[in-house]
Amino acid sequence: MRKELLQLVPVLPHLPLVLRVAGLAYATFSGQNGRISFARFFPETNSHSIFSICPGGADERQLTFDAVKSREGVYT
């Protein structure tokens, strides 16, 4: 165990530099969060429709009404 720790000693002075160069990682693009889109299955008609909704769960909108072709959206 001690031998492995001693092997890390030459690396430790470079660690702050590596962390500084790497910067922060973001899961999304910077800016305001947009609407979320999703497909909903309707078992009574065996079809899908695409909806969008605000991140907080408000303002749900049905975007497609052509039950046969609506399975996935195109995102930009």
PDB file of N, CA and C in Angstrom:
ATOM      1  N   MET A   1       0.828  -1.196   0.000  1.00  0.00           N
ATOM      2  CA  MET A   1       0.000   0.000   0.000  1.00  0.00           C
ATOM      3  C   MET A   1       0.875   1.264   0.000  1.00  0.00           C
ATOM      4  N   ARG A   2       1.896   1.250   0.841  1.00  0.00           N
ATOM      5  CA  ARG A   2       2.755   2.424   0.932  1.00  0.00           C
ATOM      6  C   ARG A   2       3.529   2.649  -0.367  1.00  0.00           C
ATOM      7  N   LYS A   3       3.912   1.557  -1.023  1.00  0.00           N
ATOM      8  CA  LYS A   3       4.648   1.658  -2.277  1.00  0.00           C
ATOM      9  C   LYS A   3       3.787   2.338  -3.346  1.00  0.00           C
ATOM     10  N   GLU A   4       2.483   1.987  -3.391  1.00  0.00           N
ATOM     11  CA  GLU A   4       1.586   2.603  -4.367  1.00  0.00           C
ATOM     12  C   GLU A   4       1.406   4.098  -4.090  1.00  0.00           C
ATOM     13  N   LEU A   5       1.330   4.479  -2.834  1.00  0.00           N
ATOM     14  CA  LEU A   5       1.204   5.894  -2.487  1.00  0.00           C
ATOM     15  C   LEU A   5       2.451   6.672  -2.868  1.00  0.00           C
ATOM     16  N   LEU A   6       3.614   6.067  -2.683  1.00  0.00           N
ATOM     17  CA  LEU A   6       4.865   6.731  -3.059  1.00  0.00           C
ATOM     18  C   LEU A   6       4.963   6.923  -4.574  1.00  0.00           C
ATOM     19  N   GLN A   7       4.349   6.053  -5.344  1.00  0.00           N
ATOM     20  CA  GLN A   7       4.363   6.204  -6.788  1.00  0.00           C
ATOM     21  C   GLN A   7       3.522   7.402  -7.234  1.00  0.00           C
ATOM     22  N   LEU A   8       2.574   7.816  -6.427  1.00  0.00           N
ATOM     23  CA  LEU A   8       1.729   8.961  -6.760  1.00  0.00           C
ATOM     24  C   LEU A   8       2.399  10.304  -6.468  1.00  0.00           C
ATOM     25  N   VAL A   9       3.438  10.313  -5.666  1.00  0.00           N
ATOM     26  CA  VAL A   9       4.091  11.556  -5.253  1.00  0.00           C
ATOM     27  C   VAL A   9       4.546  12.399  -6.449  1.00  0.00           C
ATOM     28  N   PRO A  10       5.165  11.841  -7.503  1.00  0.00           N
ATOM     29  CA  PRO A  10       5.574  12.685  -8.628  1.00  0.00           C
ATOM     30  C   PRO A  10       4.388  13.279  -9.404  1.00  0.00           C
ATOM     31  N   VAL A  11       3.229  12.679  -9.301  1.00  0.00           N
ATOM     32  CA  VAL A  11       2.051  13.148 -10.036  1.00  0.00           C
ATOM     33  C   VAL A  11       1.344  14.297  -9.309  1.00  0.00           C
ATOM     34  N   LEU A  12       1.390  14.313  -8.015  1.00  0.00           N
ATOM     35  CA  LEU A  12       0.629  15.280  -7.211  1.00  0.00           C
ATOM     36  C   LEU A  12       0.905  16.744  -7.547  1.00  0.00           C
ATOM     37  N   PRO A  13       2.135  17.167  -7.805  1.00  0.00           N
ATOM     38  CA  PRO A  13       2.339  18.583  -8.140  1.00  0.00           C
ATOM     39  C   PRO A  13       1.658  19.000  -9.453  1.00  0.00           C
ATOM     40  N   HIS A  14       1.411  18.069 -10.343  1.00  0.00           N
ATOM     41  CA  HIS A  14       0.795  18.377 -11.634  1.00  0.00           C
ATOM     42  C   HIS A  14      -0.728  18.330 -11.597  1.00  0.00           C
ATOM     43  N   LEU A  15      -1.281  17.824 -10.535  1.00  0.00           N
ATOM     44  CA  LEU A  15      -2.734  17.666 -10.442  1.00  0.00           C
ATOM     45  C   LEU A  15      -3.489  18.988 -10.564  1.00  0.00           C
ATOM     46  N   PRO A  16      -3.100  20.064  -9.885  1.00  0.00           N
ATOM     47  CA  PRO A  16      -3.828  21.328 -10.064  1.00  0.00           C
ATOM     48  C   PRO A  16      -3.796  21.842 -11.504  1.00  0.00           C
ATOM     49  N   LEU A  17      -2.694  21.652 -12.188  1.00  0.00           N
ATOM     50  CA  LEU A  17      -2.593  22.079 -13.577  1.00  0.00           C
ATOM     51  C   LEU A  17      -3.563  21.288 -14.462  1.00  0.00           C
ATOM     52  N   VAL A  18      -3.636  19.997 -14.256  1.00  0.00           N
ATOM     53  CA  VAL A  18      -4.537  19.155 -15.034  1.00  0.00           C
ATOM     54  C   VAL A  18      -5.984  19.565 -14.783  1.00  0.00           C
ATOM     55  N   LEU A  19      -6.328  19.804 -13.530  1.00  0.00           N
ATOM     56  CA  LEU A  19      -7.699  20.193 -13.203  1.00  0.00           C
ATOM     57  C   LEU A  19      -8.035  21.568 -13.771  1.00  0.00           C
ATOM     58  N   ARG A  20      -7.068  22.447 -13.790  1.00  0.00           N
ATOM     59  CA  ARG A  20      -7.321  23.796 -14.319  1.00  0.00           C
ATOM     60  C   ARG A  20      -7.507  23.772 -15.832  1.00  0.00           C
ATOM     61  N   VAL A  21      -6.718  22.989 -16.525  1.00  0.00           N
ATOM     62  CA  VAL A  21      -6.819  22.881 -17.973  1.00  0.00           C
ATOM     63  C   VAL A  21      -8.119  22.182 -18.361  1.00  0.00           C
ATOM     64  N   ALA A  22      -8.503  21.181 -17.598  1.00  0.00           N
ATOM     65  CA  ALA A  22      -9.716  20.427 -17.915  1.00  0.00           C
ATOM     66  C   ALA A  22     -10.953  21.303 -17.800  1.00  0.00           C
ATOM     67  N   GLY A  23     -10.969  22.228 -16.873  1.00  0.00           N
ATOM     68  CA  GLY A  23     -12.110  23.116 -16.702  1.00  0.00           C
ATOM     69  C   GLY A  23     -13.317  22.391 -16.142  1.00  0.00           C
ATOM     70  N   LEU A  24     -14.443  23.059 -16.204  1.00  0.00           N
ATOM     71  CA  LEU A  24     -15.679  22.487 -15.697  1.00  0.00           C
ATOM     72  C   LEU A  24     -16.379  21.688 -16.787  1.00  0.00           C
ATOM     73  N   ALA A  25     -17.031  20.631 -16.386  1.00  0.00           N
ATOM     74  CA  ALA A  25     -17.809  19.833 -17.333  1.00  0.00           C
ATOM     75  C   ALA A  25     -19.283  20.191 -17.161  1.00  0.00           C
ATOM     76  N   TYR A  26     -19.970  20.373 -18.264  1.00  0.00           N
ATOM     77  CA  TYR A  26     -21.394  20.690 -18.239  1.00  0.00           C
ATOM     78  C   TYR A  26     -22.167  19.584 -18.945  1.00  0.00           C
ATOM     79  N   ALA A  27     -23.313  19.226 -18.388  1.00  0.00           N
ATOM     80  CA  ALA A  27     -24.142  18.184 -18.988  1.00  0.00           C
ATOM     81  C   ALA A  27     -24.972  18.737 -20.135  1.00  0.00           C
ATOM     82  N   THR A  28     -25.195  20.023 -20.172  1.00  0.00           N
ATOM     83  CA  THR A  28     -26.000  20.633 -21.227  1.00  0.00           C
ATOM     84  C   THR A  28     -25.289  21.875 -21.729  1.00  0.00           C
ATOM     85  N   PHE A  29     -25.813  22.437 -22.794  1.00  0.00           N
ATOM     86  CA  PHE A  29     -25.281  23.692 -23.282  1.00  0.00           C
ATOM     87  C   PHE A  29     -25.603  24.800 -22.291  1.00  0.00           C
ATOM     88  N   SER A  30     -24.762  25.811 -22.244  1.00  0.00           N
ATOM     89  CA  SER A  30     -25.040  26.919 -21.339  1.00  0.00           C
ATOM     90  C   SER A  30     -26.251  27.685 -21.835  1.00  0.00           C
ATOM     91  N   GLY A  31     -26.936  28.308 -20.938  1.00  0.00           N
ATOM     92  CA  GLY A  31     -28.134  29.061 -21.304  1.00  0.00           C
ATOM     93  C   GLY A  31     -29.348  28.534 -20.567  1.00  0.00           C
ATOM     94  N   GLN A  32     -30.486  29.011 -20.979  1.00  0.00           N
ATOM     95  CA  GLN A  32     -31.731  28.650 -20.318  1.00  0.00           C
ATOM     96  C   GLN A  32     -32.198  27.271 -20.787  1.00  0.00           C
ATOM     97  N   ASN A  33     -32.734  26.490 -19.855  1.00  0.00           N
ATOM     98  CA  ASN A  33     -33.272  25.185 -20.221  1.00  0.00           C
ATOM     99  C   ASN A  33     -34.506  25.356 -21.078  1.00  0.00           C
ATOM    100  N   GLY A  34     -34.618  24.535 -22.102  1.00  0.00           N
ATOM    101  CA  GLY A  34     -35.756  24.608 -23.012  1.00  0.00           C
ATOM    102  C   GLY A  34     -36.813  23.581 -22.661  1.00  0.00           C
ATOM    103  N   ARG A  35     -37.732  23.420 -23.574  1.00  0.00           N
ATOM    104  CA  ARG A  35     -38.828  22.479 -23.389  1.00  0.00           C
ATOM    105  C   ARG A  35     -38.322  21.048 -23.555  1.00  0.00           C
ATOM    106  N   ILE A  36     -39.038  20.118 -22.968  1.00  0.00           N
ATOM    107  CA  ILE A  36     -38.740  18.693 -23.056  1.00  0.00           C
ATOM    108  C   ILE A  36     -39.767  18.079 -23.991  1.00  0.00           C
ATOM    109  N   SER A  37     -39.316  17.272 -24.934  1.00  0.00           N
ATOM    110  CA  SER A  37     -40.277  16.603 -25.807  1.00  0.00           C
ATOM    111  C   SER A  37     -40.285  15.114 -25.494  1.00  0.00           C
ATOM    112  N   PHE A  38     -41.435  14.496 -25.708  1.00  0.00           N
ATOM    113  CA  PHE A  38     -41.588  13.075 -25.428  1.00  0.00           C
ATOM    114  C   PHE A  38     -42.728  12.525 -26.266  1.00  0.00           C
ATOM    115  N   ALA A  39     -42.719  11.213 -26.472  1.00  0.00           N
ATOM    116  CA  ALA A  39     -43.798  10.539 -27.185  1.00  0.00           C
ATOM    117  C   ALA A  39     -44.690   9.840 -26.159  1.00  0.00           C
ATOM    118  N   ARG A  40     -45.967   9.875 -26.394  1.00  0.00           N
ATOM    119  CA  ARG A  40     -46.926   9.201 -25.519  1.00  0.00           C
ATOM    120  C   ARG A  40     -47.671   8.159 -26.352  1.00  0.00           C
ATOM    121  N   PHE A  41     -47.781   6.957 -25.786  1.00  0.00           N
ATOM    122  CA  PHE A  41     -48.491   5.867 -26.458  1.00  0.00           C
ATOM    123  C   PHE A  41     -49.947   5.864 -26.013  1.00  0.00           C
ATOM    124  N   PHE A  42     -50.840   5.723 -26.987  1.00  0.00           N
ATOM    125  CA  PHE A  42     -52.268   5.625 -26.719  1.00  0.00           C
ATOM    126  C   PHE A  42     -52.725   4.211 -27.050  1.00  0.00           C
ATOM    127  N   PRO A  43     -52.938   3.367 -26.029  1.00  0.00           N
ATOM    128  CA  PRO A  43     -53.290   1.961 -26.298  1.00  0.00           C
ATOM    129  C   PRO A  43     -54.640   1.794 -26.994  1.00  0.00           C
ATOM    130  N   GLU A  44     -55.573   2.720 -26.764  1.00  0.00           N
ATOM    131  CA  GLU A  44     -56.898   2.572 -27.383  1.00  0.00           C
ATOM    132  C   GLU A  44     -56.846   2.690 -28.909  1.00  0.00           C
ATOM    133  N   THR A  45     -55.855   3.431 -29.439  1.00  0.00           N
ATOM    134  CA  THR A  45     -55.703   3.548 -30.893  1.00  0.00           C
ATOM    135  C   THR A  45     -54.402   2.911 -31.389  1.00  0.00           C
ATOM    136  N   ASN A  46     -53.626   2.331 -30.475  1.00  0.00           N
ATOM    137  CA  ASN A  46     -52.342   1.712 -30.789  1.00  0.00           C
ATOM    138  C   ASN A  46     -51.448   2.690 -31.568  1.00  0.00           C
ATOM    139  N   SER A  47     -51.327   3.920 -31.038  1.00  0.00           N
ATOM    140  CA  SER A  47     -50.583   4.967 -31.737  1.00  0.00           C
ATOM    141  C   SER A  47     -49.784   5.818 -30.762  1.00  0.00           C
ATOM    142  N   HIS A  48     -48.910   6.649 -31.319  1.00  0.00           N
ATOM    143  CA  HIS A  48     -48.084   7.582 -30.552  1.00  0.00           C
ATOM    144  C   HIS A  48     -48.385   9.008 -30.993  1.00  0.00           C
ATOM    145  N   SER A  49     -48.171   9.943 -30.095  1.00  0.00           N
ATOM    146  CA  SER A  49     -48.166  11.364 -30.425  1.00  0.00           C
ATOM    147  C   SER A  49     -47.010  12.003 -29.690  1.00  0.00           C
ATOM    148  N   ILE A  50     -46.474  13.069 -30.249  1.00  0.00           N
ATOM    149  CA  ILE A  50     -45.347  13.769 -29.636  1.00  0.00           C
ATOM    150  C   ILE A  50     -45.863  14.994 -28.904  1.00  0.00           C
ATOM    151  N   PHE A  51     -45.377  15.179 -27.694  1.00  0.00           N
ATOM    152  CA  PHE A  51     -45.752  16.289 -26.825  1.00  0.00           C
ATOM    153  C   PHE A  51     -44.498  17.052 -26.432  1.00  0.00           C
ATOM    154  N   SER A  52     -44.673  18.283 -25.968  1.00  0.00           N
ATOM    155  CA  SER A  52     -43.583  19.022 -25.332  1.00  0.00           C
ATOM    156  C   SER A  52     -44.126  19.622 -24.049  1.00  0.00           C
ATOM    157  N   ILE A  53     -43.198  19.856 -23.114  1.00  0.00           N
ATOM    158  CA  ILE A  53     -43.590  20.350 -21.795  1.00  0.00           C
ATOM    159  C   ILE A  53     -42.440  21.178 -21.227  1.00  0.00           C
ATOM    160  N   CYS A  54     -42.751  22.141 -20.386  1.00  0.00           N
ATOM    161  CA  CYS A  54     -41.714  22.933 -19.704  1.00  0.00           C
ATOM    162  C   CYS A  54     -41.003  22.060 -18.678  1.00  0.00           C
ATOM    163  N   PRO A  55     -39.753  22.375 -18.333  1.00  0.00           N
ATOM    164  CA  PRO A  55     -39.004  21.555 -17.383  1.00  0.00           C
ATOM    165  C   PRO A  55     -39.709  21.372 -16.033  1.00  0.00           C
ATOM    166  N   GLY A  56     -40.516  22.336 -15.615  1.00  0.00           N
ATOM    167  CA  GLY A  56     -41.219  22.216 -14.343  1.00  0.00           C
ATOM    168  C   GLY A  56     -42.495  21.397 -14.409  1.00  0.00           C
ATOM    169  N   GLY A  57     -42.879  20.958 -15.614  1.00  0.00           N
ATOM    170  CA  GLY A  57     -44.068  20.133 -15.772  1.00  0.00           C
ATOM    171  C   GLY A  57     -45.304  20.902 -16.208  1.00  0.00           C
ATOM    172  N   ALA A  58     -45.170  22.187 -16.471  1.00  0.00           N
ATOM    173  CA  ALA A  58     -46.323  22.997 -16.874  1.00  0.00           C
ATOM    174  C   ALA A  58     -46.370  23.136 -18.394  1.00  0.00           C
ATOM    175  N   ASP A  59     -47.494  23.564 -18.894  1.00  0.00           N
ATOM    176  CA  ASP A  59     -47.696  23.927 -20.289  1.00  0.00           C
ATOM    177  C   ASP A  59     -47.421  22.764 -21.252  1.00  0.00           C
ATOM    178  N   GLU A  60     -48.097  21.638 -21.021  1.00  0.00           N
ATOM    179  CA  GLU A  60     -47.968  20.501 -21.927  1.00  0.00           C
ATOM    180  C   GLU A  60     -48.687  20.805 -23.236  1.00  0.00           C
ATOM    181  N   ARG A  61     -48.000  20.523 -24.363  1.00  0.00           N
ATOM    182  CA  ARG A  61     -48.578  20.773 -25.688  1.00  0.00           C
ATOM    183  C   ARG A  61     -48.460  19.521 -26.548  1.00  0.00           C
ATOM    184  N   GLN A  62     -49.539  19.168 -27.219  1.00  0.00           N
ATOM    185  CA  GLN A  62     -49.484  18.066 -28.167  1.00  0.00           C
ATOM    186  C   GLN A  62     -49.015  18.632 -29.497  1.00  0.00           C
ATOM    187  N   LEU A  63     -47.921  18.072 -30.038  1.00  0.00           N
ATOM    188  CA  LEU A  63     -47.311  18.612 -31.243  1.00  0.00           C
ATOM    189  C   LEU A  63     -47.748  17.886 -32.506  1.00  0.00           C
ATOM    190  N   THR A  64     -48.067  16.609 -32.396  1.00  0.00           N
ATOM    191  CA  THR A  64     -48.470  15.850 -33.583  1.00  0.00           C
ATOM    192  C   THR A  64     -49.829  15.199 -33.343  1.00  0.00           C
ATOM    193  N   PHE A  65     -50.547  15.021 -34.423  1.00  0.00           N
ATOM    194  CA  PHE A  65     -51.862  14.401 -34.347  1.00  0.00           C
ATOM    195  C   PHE A  65     -52.008  13.279 -35.365  1.00  0.00           C
ATOM    196  N   ASP A  66     -50.968  13.040 -36.167  1.00  0.00           N
ATOM    197  CA  ASP A  66     -51.002  11.942 -37.131  1.00  0.00           C
ATOM    198  C   ASP A  66     -50.498  10.680 -36.444  1.00  0.00           C
ATOM    199  N   ALA A  67     -51.401   9.923 -35.920  1.00  0.00           N
ATOM    200  CA  ALA A  67     -51.104   8.815 -35.020  1.00  0.00           C
ATOM    201  C   ALA A  67     -50.153   7.777 -35.606  1.00  0.00           C
ATOM    202  N   VAL A  68     -50.192   7.533 -36.887  1.00  0.00           N
ATOM    203  CA  VAL A  68     -49.394   6.457 -37.467  1.00  0.00           C
ATOM    204  C   VAL A  68     -47.911   6.822 -37.530  1.00  0.00           C
ATOM    205  N   LYS A  69     -47.568   8.056 -37.853  1.00  0.00           N
ATOM    206  CA  LYS A  69     -46.176   8.441 -38.114  1.00  0.00           C
ATOM    207  C   LYS A  69     -45.458   9.062 -36.923  1.00  0.00           C
ATOM    208  N   SER A  70     -46.110   9.345 -35.832  1.00  0.00           N
ATOM    209  CA  SER A  70     -45.525  10.109 -34.722  1.00  0.00           C
ATOM    210  C   SER A  70     -44.878   9.196 -33.694  1.00  0.00           C
ATOM    211  N   ARG A  71     -43.610   8.916 -33.897  1.00  0.00           N
ATOM    212  CA  ARG A  71     -42.896   8.106 -32.914  1.00  0.00           C
ATOM    213  C   ARG A  71     -41.712   8.825 -32.320  1.00  0.00           C
ATOM    214  N   GLU A  72     -41.067   9.666 -33.098  1.00  0.00           N
ATOM    215  CA  GLU A  72     -39.903  10.384 -32.578  1.00  0.00           C
ATOM    216  C   GLU A  72     -39.808  11.749 -33.238  1.00  0.00           C
ATOM    217  N   GLY A  73     -39.233  12.671 -32.487  1.00  0.00           N
ATOM    218  CA  GLY A  73     -39.118  14.035 -32.993  1.00  0.00           C
ATOM    219  C   GLY A  73     -37.768  14.280 -33.633  1.00  0.00           C
ATOM    220  N   VAL A  74     -37.637  15.424 -34.252  1.00  0.00           N
ATOM    221  CA  VAL A  74     -36.364  15.889 -34.797  1.00  0.00           C
ATOM    222  C   VAL A  74     -35.934  17.046 -33.926  1.00  0.00           C
ATOM    223  N   TYR A  75     -34.702  17.003 -33.414  1.00  0.00           N
ATOM    224  CA  TYR A  75     -34.255  17.995 -32.449  1.00  0.00           C
ATOM    225  C   TYR A  75     -33.226  18.925 -33.073  1.00  0.00           C
ATOM    226  N   THR A  76     -33.298  20.188 -32.697  1.00  0.00           N
ATOM    227  CA  THR A  76     -32.290  21.138 -33.120  1.00  0.00           C
ATOM    228  C   THR A  76     -31.719  21.845 -31.925  1.00  0.00           C
TER     229      THR A  76
END
